[in-house]
Amino acid sequence: MTMKEASYIIKKNEEDYINNWNQTRYICYSIIQSQSTTSLLPTDVLKFPWDETKNEIQEKIPIKSKEELIAHSLEMEKKINSQNV
């Protein structure tokens, strides 16, 4: 087995782990929400580390920077396409 193949297996195991815990969270959320008088979110029932990292990554890049990155990538695409012609 090559390192690339092993990394695919490890990544798949991590995804399965996260999916299993998310499924557990939604089961717990359904039970608790049916008995609660207040409105809850699934993250109120169970919080996981991977929930925070997704939000942090999205907040790190301001909208202006995103627009600049898109413009820069379009410029690079034009340069690459002009070199291939």
PDB file of N, CA and C in Angstrom:
ATOM      1  N   MET A   1       0.839  -1.171   0.000  1.00  0.00           N
ATOM      2  CA  MET A   1       0.000   0.000   0.000  1.00  0.00           C
ATOM      3  C   MET A   1       0.890   1.242   0.000  1.00  0.00           C
ATOM      4  N   THR A   2       0.548   2.168  -0.866  1.00  0.00           N
ATOM      5  CA  THR A   2       1.329   3.397  -0.946  1.00  0.00           C
ATOM      6  C   THR A   2       0.825   4.396   0.097  1.00  0.00           C
ATOM      7  N   MET A   3       1.598   5.444   0.305  1.00  0.00           N
ATOM      8  CA  MET A   3       1.210   6.485   1.255  1.00  0.00           C
ATOM      9  C   MET A   3      -0.079   7.184   0.809  1.00  0.00           C
ATOM     10  N   LYS A   4      -0.224   7.368  -0.504  1.00  0.00           N
ATOM     11  CA  LYS A   4      -1.419   8.023  -1.017  1.00  0.00           C
ATOM     12  C   LYS A   4      -2.663   7.188  -0.724  1.00  0.00           C
ATOM     13  N   GLU A   5      -2.563   5.885  -0.923  1.00  0.00           N
ATOM     14  CA  GLU A   5      -3.680   4.987  -0.632  1.00  0.00           C
ATOM     15  C   GLU A   5      -4.009   4.990   0.865  1.00  0.00           C
ATOM     16  N   ALA A   6      -2.971   4.978   1.686  1.00  0.00           N
ATOM     17  CA  ALA A   6      -3.178   5.007   3.138  1.00  0.00           C
ATOM     18  C   ALA A   6      -3.846   6.307   3.568  1.00  0.00           C
ATOM     19  N   SER A   7      -3.449   7.415   2.945  1.00  0.00           N
ATOM     20  CA  SER A   7      -4.057   8.704   3.314  1.00  0.00           C
ATOM     21  C   SER A   7      -5.535   8.732   2.944  1.00  0.00           C
ATOM     22  N   TYR A   8      -5.911   8.080   1.824  1.00  0.00           N
ATOM     23  CA  TYR A   8      -7.321   8.004   1.446  1.00  0.00           C
ATOM     24  C   TYR A   8      -8.113   7.206   2.475  1.00  0.00           C
ATOM     25  N   ILE A   9      -7.539   6.115   2.945  1.00  0.00           N
ATOM     26  CA  ILE A   9      -8.212   5.280   3.949  1.00  0.00           C
ATOM     27  C   ILE A   9      -8.374   6.046   5.260  1.00  0.00           C
ATOM     28  N   ILE A  10      -7.327   6.755   5.668  1.00  0.00           N
ATOM     29  CA  ILE A  10      -7.398   7.537   6.904  1.00  0.00           C
ATOM     30  C   ILE A  10      -8.444   8.644   6.779  1.00  0.00           C
ATOM     31  N   LYS A  11      -8.464   9.333   5.637  1.00  0.00           N
ATOM     32  CA  LYS A  11      -9.441  10.402   5.422  1.00  0.00           C
ATOM     33  C   LYS A  11     -10.864   9.850   5.457  1.00  0.00           C
ATOM     34  N   LYS A  12     -11.076   8.695   4.838  1.00  0.00           N
ATOM     35  CA  LYS A  12     -12.397   8.072   4.840  1.00  0.00           C
ATOM     36  C   LYS A  12     -12.812   7.681   6.257  1.00  0.00           C
ATOM     37  N   ASN A  13     -11.886   7.150   7.046  1.00  0.00           N
ATOM     38  CA  ASN A  13     -12.189   6.799   8.438  1.00  0.00           C
ATOM     39  C   ASN A  13     -12.560   8.036   9.249  1.00  0.00           C
ATOM     40  N   GLU A  14     -11.863   9.145   9.023  1.00  0.00           N
ATOM     41  CA  GLU A  14     -12.182  10.393   9.717  1.00  0.00           C
ATOM     42  C   GLU A  14     -13.573  10.896   9.333  1.00  0.00           C
ATOM     43  N   GLU A  15     -13.907  10.805   8.046  1.00  0.00           N
ATOM     44  CA  GLU A  15     -15.231  11.230   7.593  1.00  0.00           C
ATOM     45  C   GLU A  15     -16.316  10.358   8.201  1.00  0.00           C
ATOM     46  N   ASP A  16     -16.089   9.051   8.263  1.00  0.00           N
ATOM     47  CA  ASP A  16     -17.056   8.139   8.881  1.00  0.00           C
ATOM     48  C   ASP A  16     -17.245   8.471  10.353  1.00  0.00           C
ATOM     49  N   TYR A  17     -16.152   8.768  11.040  1.00  0.00           N
ATOM     50  CA  TYR A  17     -16.199   9.123  12.463  1.00  0.00           C
ATOM     51  C   TYR A  17     -17.057  10.369  12.668  1.00  0.00           C
ATOM     52  N   ILE A  18     -16.815  11.388  11.864  1.00  0.00           N
ATOM     53  CA  ILE A  18     -17.575  12.636  11.970  1.00  0.00           C
ATOM     54  C   ILE A  18     -19.046  12.396  11.635  1.00  0.00           C
ATOM     55  N   ASN A  19     -19.312  11.622  10.578  1.00  0.00           N
ATOM     56  CA  ASN A  19     -20.695  11.341  10.200  1.00  0.00           C
ATOM     57  C   ASN A  19     -21.441  10.586  11.297  1.00  0.00           C
ATOM     58  N   ASN A  20     -20.777   9.626  11.926  1.00  0.00           N
ATOM     59  CA  ASN A  20     -21.409   8.868  13.009  1.00  0.00           C
ATOM     60  C   ASN A  20     -21.756   9.773  14.180  1.00  0.00           C
ATOM     61  N   TRP A  21     -20.847  10.673  14.556  1.00  0.00           N
ATOM     62  CA  TRP A  21     -21.131  11.576  15.666  1.00  0.00           C
ATOM     63  C   TRP A  21     -22.204  12.592  15.301  1.00  0.00           C
ATOM     64  N   ASN A  22     -22.221  13.039  14.052  1.00  0.00           N
ATOM     65  CA  ASN A  22     -23.275  13.959  13.625  1.00  0.00           C
ATOM     66  C   ASN A  22     -24.640  13.269  13.660  1.00  0.00           C
ATOM     67  N   GLN A  23     -24.674  12.017  13.277  1.00  0.00           N
ATOM     68  CA  GLN A  23     -25.913  11.255  13.352  1.00  0.00           C
ATOM     69  C   GLN A  23     -26.381  11.142  14.803  1.00  0.00           C
ATOM     70  N   THR A  24     -25.466  10.861  15.704  1.00  0.00           N
ATOM     71  CA  THR A  24     -25.797  10.784  17.122  1.00  0.00           C
ATOM     72  C   THR A  24     -26.326  12.119  17.626  1.00  0.00           C
ATOM     73  N   ARG A  25     -25.699  13.199  17.190  1.00  0.00           N
ATOM     74  CA  ARG A  25     -26.136  14.530  17.606  1.00  0.00           C
ATOM     75  C   ARG A  25     -27.574  14.796  17.167  1.00  0.00           C
ATOM     76  N   TYR A  26     -27.908  14.438  15.928  1.00  0.00           N
ATOM     77  CA  TYR A  26     -29.253  14.704  15.437  1.00  0.00           C
ATOM     78  C   TYR A  26     -30.303  13.825  16.108  1.00  0.00           C
ATOM     79  N   ILE A  27     -29.944  12.631  16.484  1.00  0.00           N
ATOM     80  CA  ILE A  27     -30.868  11.782  17.242  1.00  0.00           C
ATOM     81  C   ILE A  27     -31.139  12.416  18.602  1.00  0.00           C
ATOM     82  N   CYS A  28     -30.069  12.822  19.288  1.00  0.00           N
ATOM     83  CA  CYS A  28     -30.226  13.486  20.591  1.00  0.00           C
ATOM     84  C   CYS A  28     -31.009  14.784  20.454  1.00  0.00           C
ATOM     85  N   TYR A  29     -30.707  15.535  19.424  1.00  0.00           N
ATOM     86  CA  TYR A  29     -31.398  16.805  19.178  1.00  0.00           C
ATOM     87  C   TYR A  29     -32.891  16.570  18.979  1.00  0.00           C
ATOM     88  N   SER A  30     -33.253  15.558  18.218  1.00  0.00           N
ATOM     89  CA  SER A  30     -34.668  15.269  17.963  1.00  0.00           C
ATOM     90  C   SER A  30     -35.400  14.929  19.254  1.00  0.00           C
ATOM     91  N   ILE A  31     -34.775  14.135  20.086  1.00  0.00           N
ATOM     92  CA  ILE A  31     -35.394  13.745  21.351  1.00  0.00           C
ATOM     93  C   ILE A  31     -35.537  14.953  22.270  1.00  0.00           C
ATOM     94  N   ILE A  32     -34.472  15.713  22.420  1.00  0.00           N
ATOM     95  CA  ILE A  32     -34.496  16.861  23.338  1.00  0.00           C
ATOM     96  C   ILE A  32     -35.433  17.950  22.829  1.00  0.00           C
ATOM     97  N   GLN A  33     -35.402  18.225  21.531  1.00  0.00           N
ATOM     98  CA  GLN A  33     -36.243  19.288  20.980  1.00  0.00           C
ATOM     99  C   GLN A  33     -37.725  18.941  21.117  1.00  0.00           C
ATOM    100  N   SER A  34     -38.070  17.677  21.003  1.00  0.00           N
ATOM    101  CA  SER A  34     -39.482  17.293  21.127  1.00  0.00           C
ATOM    102  C   SER A  34     -39.999  17.519  22.549  1.00  0.00           C
ATOM    103  N   GLN A  35     -39.113  17.549  23.532  1.00  0.00           N
ATOM    104  CA  GLN A  35     -39.513  17.736  24.923  1.00  0.00           C
ATOM    105  C   GLN A  35     -39.253  19.155  25.441  1.00  0.00           C
ATOM    106  N   SER A  36     -38.660  19.984  24.607  1.00  0.00           N
ATOM    107  CA  SER A  36     -38.279  21.325  25.036  1.00  0.00           C
ATOM    108  C   SER A  36     -39.316  22.356  24.592  1.00  0.00           C
ATOM    109  N   THR A  37     -39.466  23.391  25.406  1.00  0.00           N
ATOM    110  CA  THR A  37     -40.372  24.486  25.040  1.00  0.00           C
ATOM    111  C   THR A  37     -39.633  25.586  24.286  1.00  0.00           C
ATOM    112  N   THR A  38     -38.306  25.576  24.339  1.00  0.00           N
ATOM    113  CA  THR A  38     -37.515  26.576  23.631  1.00  0.00           C
ATOM    114  C   THR A  38     -36.952  25.974  22.354  1.00  0.00           C
ATOM    115  N   SER A  39     -36.635  26.835  21.431  1.00  0.00           N
ATOM    116  CA  SER A  39     -36.052  26.395  20.170  1.00  0.00           C
ATOM    117  C   SER A  39     -34.546  26.178  20.350  1.00  0.00           C
ATOM    118  N   LEU A  40     -34.080  25.018  19.917  1.00  0.00           N
ATOM    119  CA  LEU A  40     -32.661  24.683  20.044  1.00  0.00           C
ATOM    120  C   LEU A  40     -32.047  24.452  18.677  1.00  0.00           C
ATOM    121  N   LEU A  41     -30.735  24.482  18.651  1.00  0.00           N
ATOM    122  CA  LEU A  41     -29.972  24.103  17.466  1.00  0.00           C
ATOM    123  C   LEU A  41     -29.254  22.795  17.769  1.00  0.00           C
ATOM    124  N   PRO A  42     -28.940  22.008  16.757  1.00  0.00           N
ATOM    125  CA  PRO A  42     -28.192  20.772  17.012  1.00  0.00           C
ATOM    126  C   PRO A  42     -26.869  21.023  17.726  1.00  0.00           C
ATOM    127  N   THR A  43     -26.238  22.158  17.455  1.00  0.00           N
ATOM    128  CA  THR A  43     -24.969  22.466  18.115  1.00  0.00           C
ATOM    129  C   THR A  43     -25.162  22.851  19.577  1.00  0.00           C
ATOM    130  N   ASP A  44     -26.399  23.184  19.978  1.00  0.00           N
ATOM    131  CA  ASP A  44     -26.677  23.447  21.389  1.00  0.00           C
ATOM    132  C   ASP A  44     -26.691  22.144  22.185  1.00  0.00           C
ATOM    133  N   VAL A  45     -27.033  21.059  21.520  1.00  0.00           N
ATOM    134  CA  VAL A  45     -27.121  19.764  22.182  1.00  0.00           C
ATOM    135  C   VAL A  45     -25.732  19.154  22.349  1.00  0.00           C
ATOM    136  N   LEU A  46     -24.993  19.070  21.279  1.00  0.00           N
ATOM    137  CA  LEU A  46     -23.625  18.538  21.302  1.00  0.00           C
ATOM    138  C   LEU A  46     -22.749  19.419  20.440  1.00  0.00           C
ATOM    139  N   LYS A  47     -21.645  19.880  20.998  1.00  0.00           N
ATOM    140  CA  LYS A  47     -20.677  20.665  20.232  1.00  0.00           C
ATOM    141  C   LYS A  47     -19.441  19.814  19.992  1.00  0.00           C
ATOM    142  N   PHE A  48     -18.925  19.902  18.783  1.00  0.00           N
ATOM    143  CA  PHE A  48     -17.732  19.151  18.406  1.00  0.00           C
ATOM    144  C   PHE A  48     -16.648  20.105  17.933  1.00  0.00           C
ATOM    145  N   PRO A  49     -15.390  19.689  18.035  1.00  0.00           N
ATOM    146  CA  PRO A  49     -14.285  20.564  17.591  1.00  0.00           C
ATOM    147  C   PRO A  49     -14.370  20.924  16.113  1.00  0.00           C
ATOM    148  N   TRP A  50     -14.858  20.023  15.284  1.00  0.00           N
ATOM    149  CA  TRP A  50     -14.889  20.311  13.851  1.00  0.00           C
ATOM    150  C   TRP A  50     -15.949  21.340  13.511  1.00  0.00           C
ATOM    151  N   ASP A  51     -16.909  21.602  14.377  1.00  0.00           N
ATOM    152  CA  ASP A  51     -17.886  22.666  14.139  1.00  0.00           C
ATOM    153  C   ASP A  51     -17.212  24.031  14.210  1.00  0.00           C
ATOM    154  N   GLU A  52     -16.335  24.215  15.171  1.00  0.00           N
ATOM    155  CA  GLU A  52     -15.666  25.496  15.374  1.00  0.00           C
ATOM    156  C   GLU A  52     -14.658  25.776  14.272  1.00  0.00           C
ATOM    157  N   THR A  53     -13.935  24.766  13.818  1.00  0.00           N
ATOM    158  CA  THR A  53     -12.911  25.006  12.805  1.00  0.00           C
ATOM    159  C   THR A  53     -13.525  25.448  11.486  1.00  0.00           C
ATOM    160  N   LYS A  54     -14.687  24.941  11.127  1.00  0.00           N
ATOM    161  CA  LYS A  54     -15.331  25.365   9.887  1.00  0.00           C
ATOM    162  C   LYS A  54     -15.705  26.838   9.961  1.00  0.00           C
ATOM    163  N   ASN A  55     -16.256  27.264  11.086  1.00  0.00           N
ATOM    164  CA  ASN A  55     -16.646  28.660  11.254  1.00  0.00           C
ATOM    165  C   ASN A  55     -15.428  29.578  11.295  1.00  0.00           C
ATOM    166  N   GLU A  56     -14.351  29.151  11.962  1.00  0.00           N
ATOM    167  CA  GLU A  56     -13.150  29.973  12.060  1.00  0.00           C
ATOM    168  C   GLU A  56     -12.522  30.180  10.689  1.00  0.00           C
ATOM    169  N   ILE A  57     -12.473  29.150   9.886  1.00  0.00           N
ATOM    170  CA  ILE A  57     -11.878  29.247   8.558  1.00  0.00           C
ATOM    171  C   ILE A  57     -12.671  30.228   7.709  1.00  0.00           C
ATOM    172  N   GLN A  58     -13.994  30.167   7.763  1.00  0.00           N
ATOM    173  CA  GLN A  58     -14.823  31.062   6.969  1.00  0.00           C
ATOM    174  C   GLN A  58     -14.681  32.503   7.427  1.00  0.00           C
ATOM    175  N   GLU A  59     -14.483  32.735   8.704  1.00  0.00           N
ATOM    176  CA  GLU A  59     -14.388  34.094   9.223  1.00  0.00           C
ATOM    177  C   GLU A  59     -13.016  34.716   8.993  1.00  0.00           C
ATOM    178  N   LYS A  60     -12.000  33.935   8.753  1.00  0.00           N
ATOM    179  CA  LYS A  60     -10.652  34.472   8.597  1.00  0.00           C
ATOM    180  C   LYS A  60     -10.479  35.258   7.308  1.00  0.00           C
ATOM    181  N   ILE A  61     -11.215  34.919   6.249  1.00  0.00           N
ATOM    182  CA  ILE A  61     -11.070  35.606   4.972  1.00  0.00           C
ATOM    183  C   ILE A  61     -12.201  36.622   4.839  1.00  0.00           C
ATOM    184  N   PRO A  62     -11.886  37.911   4.901  1.00  0.00           N
ATOM    185  CA  PRO A  62     -12.926  38.920   4.725  1.00  0.00           C
ATOM    186  C   PRO A  62     -13.465  38.912   3.293  1.00  0.00           C
ATOM    187  N   ILE A  63     -14.648  39.466   3.115  1.00  0.00           N
ATOM    188  CA  ILE A  63     -15.293  39.456   1.802  1.00  0.00           C
ATOM    189  C   ILE A  63     -14.435  40.179   0.772  1.00  0.00           C
ATOM    190  N   LYS A  64     -13.811  41.279   1.149  1.00  0.00           N
ATOM    191  CA  LYS A  64     -12.972  42.030   0.216  1.00  0.00           C
ATOM    192  C   LYS A  64     -11.830  41.154  -0.283  1.00  0.00           C
ATOM    193  N   SER A  65     -11.228  40.402   0.605  1.00  0.00           N
ATOM    194  CA  SER A  65     -10.136  39.530   0.209  1.00  0.00           C
ATOM    195  C   SER A  65     -10.616  38.431  -0.733  1.00  0.00           C
ATOM    196  N   LYS A  66     -11.808  37.932  -0.489  1.00  0.00           N
ATOM    197  CA  LYS A  66     -12.364  36.911  -1.376  1.00  0.00           C
ATOM    198  C   LYS A  66     -12.511  37.455  -2.791  1.00  0.00           C
ATOM    199  N   GLU A  67     -13.018  38.683  -2.892  1.00  0.00           N
ATOM    200  CA  GLU A  67     -13.185  39.302  -4.210  1.00  0.00           C
ATOM    201  C   GLU A  67     -11.836  39.513  -4.888  1.00  0.00           C
ATOM    202  N   GLU A  68     -10.837  39.918  -4.106  1.00  0.00           N
ATOM    203  CA  GLU A  68      -9.496  40.099  -4.664  1.00  0.00           C
ATOM    204  C   GLU A  68      -8.924  38.763  -5.132  1.00  0.00           C
ATOM    205  N   LEU A  69      -9.149  37.702  -4.350  1.00  0.00           N
ATOM    206  CA  LEU A  69      -8.656  36.382  -4.744  1.00  0.00           C
ATOM    207  C   LEU A  69      -9.320  35.890  -6.023  1.00  0.00           C
ATOM    208  N   ILE A  70     -10.608  36.147  -6.158  1.00  0.00           N
ATOM    209  CA  ILE A  70     -11.315  35.749  -7.378  1.00  0.00           C
ATOM    210  C   ILE A  70     -10.762  36.498  -8.580  1.00  0.00           C
ATOM    211  N   ALA A  71     -10.561  37.798  -8.422  1.00  0.00           N
ATOM    212  CA  ALA A  71     -10.020  38.600  -9.520  1.00  0.00           C
ATOM    213  C   ALA A  71      -8.618  38.123  -9.890  1.00  0.00           C
ATOM    214  N   HIS A  72      -7.805  37.848  -8.890  1.00  0.00           N
ATOM    215  CA  HIS A  72      -6.446  37.370  -9.143  1.00  0.00           C
ATOM    216  C   HIS A  72      -6.459  36.002  -9.847  1.00  0.00           C
ATOM    217  N   SER A  73      -7.354  35.122  -9.425  1.00  0.00           N
ATOM    218  CA  SER A  73      -7.411  33.807 -10.062  1.00  0.00           C
ATOM    219  C   SER A  73      -7.875  33.910 -11.512  1.00  0.00           C
ATOM    220  N   LEU A  74      -8.768  34.858 -11.801  1.00  0.00           N
ATOM    221  CA  LEU A  74      -9.201  35.057 -13.184  1.00  0.00           C
ATOM    222  C   LEU A  74      -8.053  35.587 -14.049  1.00  0.00           C
ATOM    223  N   GLU A  75      -7.244  36.480 -13.487  1.00  0.00           N
ATOM    224  CA  GLU A  75      -6.063  36.974 -14.207  1.00  0.00           C
ATOM    225  C   GLU A  75      -5.087  35.838 -14.501  1.00  0.00           C
ATOM    226  N   MET A  76      -4.854  35.007 -13.513  1.00  0.00           N
ATOM    227  CA  MET A  76      -3.936  33.875 -13.693  1.00  0.00           C
ATOM    228  C   MET A  76      -4.471  32.906 -14.747  1.00  0.00           C
ATOM    229  N   GLU A  77      -5.779  32.700 -14.748  1.00  0.00           N
ATOM    230  CA  GLU A  77      -6.397  31.816 -15.735  1.00  0.00           C
ATOM    231  C   GLU A  77      -6.183  32.354 -17.149  1.00  0.00           C
ATOM    232  N   LYS A  78      -6.344  33.681 -17.328  1.00  0.00           N
ATOM    233  CA  LYS A  78      -6.125  34.295 -18.642  1.00  0.00           C
ATOM    234  C   LYS A  78      -4.679  34.122 -19.079  1.00  0.00           C
ATOM    235  N   LYS A  79      -3.720  34.312 -18.141  1.00  0.00           N
ATOM    236  CA  LYS A  79      -2.313  34.149 -18.481  1.00  0.00           C
ATOM    237  C   LYS A  79      -1.997  32.720 -18.893  1.00  0.00           C
ATOM    238  N   ILE A  80      -2.523  31.776 -18.156  1.00  0.00           N
ATOM    239  CA  ILE A  80      -2.273  30.355 -18.464  1.00  0.00           C
ATOM    240  C   ILE A  80      -2.875  29.983 -19.798  1.00  0.00           C
ATOM    241  N   ASN A  81      -4.100  30.444 -20.056  1.00  0.00           N
ATOM    242  CA  ASN A  81      -4.748  30.132 -21.328  1.00  0.00           C
ATOM    243  C   ASN A  81      -4.046  30.780 -22.505  1.00  0.00           C
ATOM    244  N   SER A  82      -3.498  31.988 -22.306  1.00  0.00           N
ATOM    245  CA  SER A  82      -2.796  32.653 -23.405  1.00  0.00           C
ATOM    246  C   SER A  82      -1.469  31.959 -23.701  1.00  0.00           C
ATOM    247  N   GLN A  83      -0.842  31.340 -22.708  1.00  0.00           N
ATOM    248  CA  GLN A  83       0.404  30.615 -22.920  1.00  0.00           C
ATOM    249  C   GLN A  83       0.180  29.281 -23.627  1.00  0.00           C
ATOM    250  N   ASN A  84      -0.986  28.690 -23.442  1.00  0.00           N
ATOM    251  CA  ASN A  84      -1.282  27.387 -24.051  1.00  0.00           C
ATOM    252  C   ASN A  84      -1.699  27.510 -25.506  1.00  0.00           C
ATOM    253  N   VAL A  85      -2.021  28.723 -25.968  1.00  0.00           N
ATOM    254  CA  VAL A  85      -2.485  28.899 -27.355  1.00  0.00           C
ATOM    255  C   VAL A  85      -1.368  28.916 -28.302  1.00  0.00           C
TER     256      VAL A  85
END
